[in-house]
N, C-alpha and C. Protein backbone atom coordinates (compact mmCIF):
# COMPACT_ATOMS: atom_id res chain seq x y z
N MET A 1 165.91 -21.15 85.63
CA MET A 1 167.05 -21.67 85.03
C MET A 1 166.58 -23.18 84.58
N HIS A 2 166.95 -23.57 83.39
CA HIS A 2 166.61 -24.79 82.83
C HIS A 2 167.78 -25.77 83.12
N TYR A 3 167.47 -27.02 83.23
CA TYR A 3 168.56 -27.98 83.59
C TYR A 3 169.61 -28.02 82.45
N THR A 4 169.34 -27.65 81.25
CA THR A 4 170.35 -27.65 80.21
C THR A 4 171.37 -26.59 80.36
N GLU A 5 171.09 -25.61 81.26
CA GLU A 5 171.95 -24.49 81.49
C GLU A 5 173.03 -24.77 82.62
N ILE A 6 172.97 -25.99 83.19
CA ILE A 6 173.86 -26.37 84.18
C ILE A 6 174.80 -27.42 83.70
N ASP A 7 176.09 -27.38 83.94
CA ASP A 7 177.12 -28.32 83.51
C ASP A 7 176.96 -29.61 84.13
N ASN A 8 176.59 -29.65 85.47
CA ASN A 8 176.54 -30.88 86.13
C ASN A 8 175.35 -30.93 87.13
N LEU A 9 174.43 -31.78 86.75
CA LEU A 9 173.29 -31.92 87.68
C LEU A 9 173.56 -32.92 88.84
N VAL A 10 174.59 -33.69 88.74
CA VAL A 10 174.82 -34.69 89.76
C VAL A 10 174.78 -34.25 91.17
N PRO A 11 175.44 -33.12 91.57
CA PRO A 11 175.46 -32.66 92.97
C PRO A 11 174.04 -32.33 93.35
N VAL A 12 173.32 -31.62 92.56
CA VAL A 12 171.92 -31.34 92.91
C VAL A 12 171.05 -32.56 93.04
N ILE A 13 171.21 -33.55 92.18
CA ILE A 13 170.49 -34.89 92.39
C ILE A 13 170.91 -35.51 93.64
N LEU A 14 172.25 -35.64 93.94
CA LEU A 14 172.65 -36.32 95.14
C LEU A 14 172.15 -35.58 96.37
N ALA A 15 172.16 -34.27 96.32
CA ALA A 15 171.62 -33.53 97.51
C ALA A 15 170.17 -33.84 97.74
N ALA A 16 169.43 -33.84 96.59
CA ALA A 16 167.92 -34.09 96.78
C ALA A 16 167.72 -35.59 97.20
N GLN A 17 168.61 -36.50 96.81
CA GLN A 17 168.49 -37.82 97.26
C GLN A 17 168.93 -37.97 98.74
N ASP A 18 169.64 -37.07 99.31
CA ASP A 18 170.01 -37.07 100.70
C ASP A 18 168.94 -36.37 101.42
N GLY A 19 167.94 -35.83 100.94
CA GLY A 19 166.83 -35.24 101.62
C GLY A 19 166.80 -33.73 101.70
N ASP A 20 167.71 -33.15 100.92
CA ASP A 20 167.87 -31.61 100.84
C ASP A 20 166.60 -31.08 100.07
N ASP A 21 165.65 -30.59 100.82
CA ASP A 21 164.38 -29.91 100.23
C ASP A 21 164.70 -28.83 99.25
N GLU A 22 165.76 -28.04 99.51
CA GLU A 22 166.12 -26.97 98.58
C GLU A 22 166.57 -27.47 97.29
N ALA A 23 167.31 -28.59 97.32
CA ALA A 23 167.91 -29.24 96.10
C ALA A 23 166.75 -29.79 95.24
N MET A 24 165.76 -30.31 95.96
CA MET A 24 164.49 -30.90 95.30
C MET A 24 163.79 -29.77 94.63
N SER A 25 163.58 -28.69 95.34
CA SER A 25 162.90 -27.52 94.81
C SER A 25 163.55 -27.00 93.62
N LYS A 26 164.88 -27.01 93.66
CA LYS A 26 165.72 -26.52 92.53
C LYS A 26 165.59 -27.39 91.30
N LEU A 27 165.53 -28.73 91.53
CA LEU A 27 165.23 -29.61 90.42
C LEU A 27 163.86 -29.41 89.84
N LEU A 28 162.82 -29.31 90.67
CA LEU A 28 161.50 -29.06 90.23
C LEU A 28 161.41 -27.74 89.37
N ASP A 29 162.16 -26.79 89.75
CA ASP A 29 162.13 -25.50 89.07
C ASP A 29 162.85 -25.68 87.86
N MET A 30 164.02 -26.37 87.79
CA MET A 30 164.83 -26.65 86.51
C MET A 30 163.99 -27.35 85.51
N PHE A 31 163.10 -28.26 85.82
CA PHE A 31 162.34 -29.08 84.94
C PHE A 31 160.88 -28.61 84.70
N SER A 32 160.63 -27.38 85.28
CA SER A 32 159.21 -26.85 85.22
C SER A 32 158.75 -26.68 83.75
N HIS A 33 159.67 -26.21 82.86
CA HIS A 33 159.29 -26.02 81.48
C HIS A 33 158.86 -27.37 80.91
N ASP A 34 159.54 -28.42 81.24
CA ASP A 34 159.31 -29.77 80.68
C ASP A 34 157.92 -30.28 81.28
N PHE A 35 157.64 -29.99 82.51
CA PHE A 35 156.37 -30.37 83.11
C PHE A 35 155.24 -29.67 82.31
N ASP A 36 155.42 -28.37 82.15
CA ASP A 36 154.40 -27.61 81.32
C ASP A 36 154.25 -28.15 79.93
N ARG A 37 155.32 -28.44 79.33
CA ARG A 37 155.14 -28.94 77.90
C ARG A 37 154.44 -30.28 77.87
N GLU A 38 154.77 -31.09 78.75
CA GLU A 38 154.18 -32.46 78.77
C GLU A 38 152.63 -32.31 79.19
N ALA A 39 152.38 -31.40 80.13
CA ALA A 39 151.02 -31.22 80.65
C ALA A 39 150.16 -30.54 79.75
N ALA A 40 150.74 -29.94 78.66
CA ALA A 40 149.95 -29.24 77.64
C ALA A 40 149.95 -30.01 76.30
N PHE A 41 150.52 -31.20 76.31
CA PHE A 41 150.61 -31.97 75.09
C PHE A 41 149.17 -32.18 74.45
N GLY A 42 149.05 -31.79 73.26
CA GLY A 42 147.81 -31.96 72.53
C GLY A 42 146.72 -30.95 72.95
N LYS A 43 147.06 -29.97 73.90
CA LYS A 43 146.12 -29.01 74.28
C LYS A 43 146.71 -27.64 74.04
N SER A 44 145.78 -26.65 74.14
CA SER A 44 146.34 -25.22 74.04
C SER A 44 146.63 -24.61 75.41
N TYR A 45 146.52 -25.41 76.45
CA TYR A 45 146.78 -24.98 77.77
C TYR A 45 147.50 -26.05 78.65
N VAL A 46 148.13 -25.59 79.71
CA VAL A 46 148.74 -26.44 80.68
C VAL A 46 147.66 -26.96 81.66
N ASP A 47 147.49 -28.29 81.63
CA ASP A 47 146.54 -28.91 82.56
C ASP A 47 147.17 -29.00 83.98
N PRO A 48 146.69 -28.18 84.93
CA PRO A 48 147.28 -28.11 86.21
C PRO A 48 147.33 -29.50 86.94
N ASP A 49 146.29 -30.26 86.77
CA ASP A 49 146.26 -31.59 87.38
C ASP A 49 147.32 -32.52 86.86
N LEU A 50 147.49 -32.46 85.55
CA LEU A 50 148.51 -33.33 84.97
C LEU A 50 149.91 -32.81 85.31
N ARG A 51 150.06 -31.54 85.39
CA ARG A 51 151.40 -30.96 85.80
C ARG A 51 151.66 -31.42 87.21
N GLN A 52 150.78 -31.39 88.09
CA GLN A 52 150.94 -31.87 89.51
C GLN A 52 151.23 -33.33 89.53
N GLN A 53 150.64 -34.14 88.71
CA GLN A 53 150.97 -35.62 88.74
C GLN A 53 152.31 -35.85 88.28
N LEU A 54 152.71 -35.07 87.24
CA LEU A 54 154.10 -35.19 86.71
C LEU A 54 155.15 -34.79 87.82
N GLN A 55 154.87 -33.74 88.53
CA GLN A 55 155.84 -33.28 89.55
C GLN A 55 155.94 -34.32 90.72
N ILE A 56 154.71 -34.87 91.07
CA ILE A 56 154.72 -35.94 92.09
C ILE A 56 155.55 -37.13 91.67
N LYS A 57 155.36 -37.59 90.41
CA LYS A 57 156.13 -38.69 89.89
C LYS A 57 157.65 -38.43 89.90
N PHE A 58 157.95 -37.16 89.49
CA PHE A 58 159.39 -36.76 89.46
C PHE A 58 160.00 -36.76 90.84
N VAL A 59 159.26 -36.26 91.88
CA VAL A 59 159.75 -36.36 93.19
C VAL A 59 159.93 -37.81 93.75
N PHE A 60 159.11 -38.65 93.34
CA PHE A 60 159.29 -40.04 93.73
C PHE A 60 160.39 -40.72 92.95
N SER A 61 160.73 -40.24 91.77
CA SER A 61 161.68 -40.80 90.95
C SER A 61 163.12 -40.43 91.21
N VAL A 62 163.34 -39.22 91.72
CA VAL A 62 164.64 -38.69 91.97
C VAL A 62 165.41 -39.58 93.00
N PRO A 63 164.83 -40.01 94.17
CA PRO A 63 165.55 -40.89 95.10
C PRO A 63 165.90 -42.29 94.31
N ARG A 64 165.14 -42.73 93.44
CA ARG A 64 165.42 -43.99 92.79
C ARG A 64 166.39 -43.92 91.59
N PHE A 65 166.68 -42.69 91.19
CA PHE A 65 167.54 -42.55 90.08
C PHE A 65 168.96 -42.98 90.48
N ASP A 66 169.52 -43.92 89.71
CA ASP A 66 170.93 -44.43 89.96
C ASP A 66 171.95 -43.62 89.24
N VAL A 67 172.50 -42.65 89.98
CA VAL A 67 173.49 -41.74 89.44
C VAL A 67 174.73 -42.50 88.85
N ALA A 68 175.26 -43.43 89.65
CA ALA A 68 176.43 -44.18 89.26
C ALA A 68 176.22 -44.94 87.87
N LYS A 69 175.05 -45.47 87.74
CA LYS A 69 174.78 -46.24 86.52
C LYS A 69 174.69 -45.26 85.34
N HIS A 70 174.07 -44.14 85.57
CA HIS A 70 173.86 -43.08 84.58
C HIS A 70 175.29 -42.61 84.18
N LEU A 71 176.12 -42.37 85.03
CA LEU A 71 177.52 -41.87 84.79
C LEU A 71 178.45 -42.87 84.02
N ALA A 72 178.15 -44.14 84.29
CA ALA A 72 178.83 -45.20 83.58
C ALA A 72 178.51 -45.36 82.10
N GLN A 73 177.34 -44.80 81.73
CA GLN A 73 176.97 -44.85 80.30
C GLN A 73 177.63 -43.69 79.55
N PRO A 74 177.92 -44.03 78.28
CA PRO A 74 178.57 -42.96 77.45
C PRO A 74 177.64 -41.77 77.17
N SER A 75 178.07 -40.55 77.27
CA SER A 75 177.21 -39.46 76.99
C SER A 75 176.89 -39.27 75.55
N ALA A 76 175.64 -38.84 75.30
CA ALA A 76 175.27 -38.54 73.88
C ALA A 76 176.06 -37.41 73.36
N ARG A 77 176.44 -36.41 74.26
CA ARG A 77 177.29 -35.31 73.81
C ARG A 77 178.65 -35.68 73.33
N SER A 78 179.22 -36.83 73.94
CA SER A 78 180.54 -37.19 73.69
C SER A 78 180.63 -37.98 72.35
N LYS A 79 179.52 -38.38 71.85
CA LYS A 79 179.48 -39.12 70.59
C LYS A 79 179.69 -38.24 69.38
N SER A 80 179.47 -36.95 69.52
CA SER A 80 179.58 -36.14 68.32
C SER A 80 180.95 -35.84 67.88
C-alpha cells in the first residue's frame, strides 16, 4: 500500500513516534516505492546501498517530524 492510498497518515506517524515498531514498518512499506525511485535516480537499477541509506534517514526523521506544525499549514489539496 502506498501512502497516497491512506486518508490520514497522522495516526501511523504518531504511533511510530511513540515507539511502535509495527507503525514504523508500515511507514517504511508505504514509502518503499519512493525509496526505490530515489535510489534508482539516473540509473537503470535500484542501488541497494542508497535505498538503505534513505530508509535509515527516514527512520531518524519520523520522530523529529512535527505533526502539529504540518497540520497547521494549509493543505495543497484544499487549494484546488
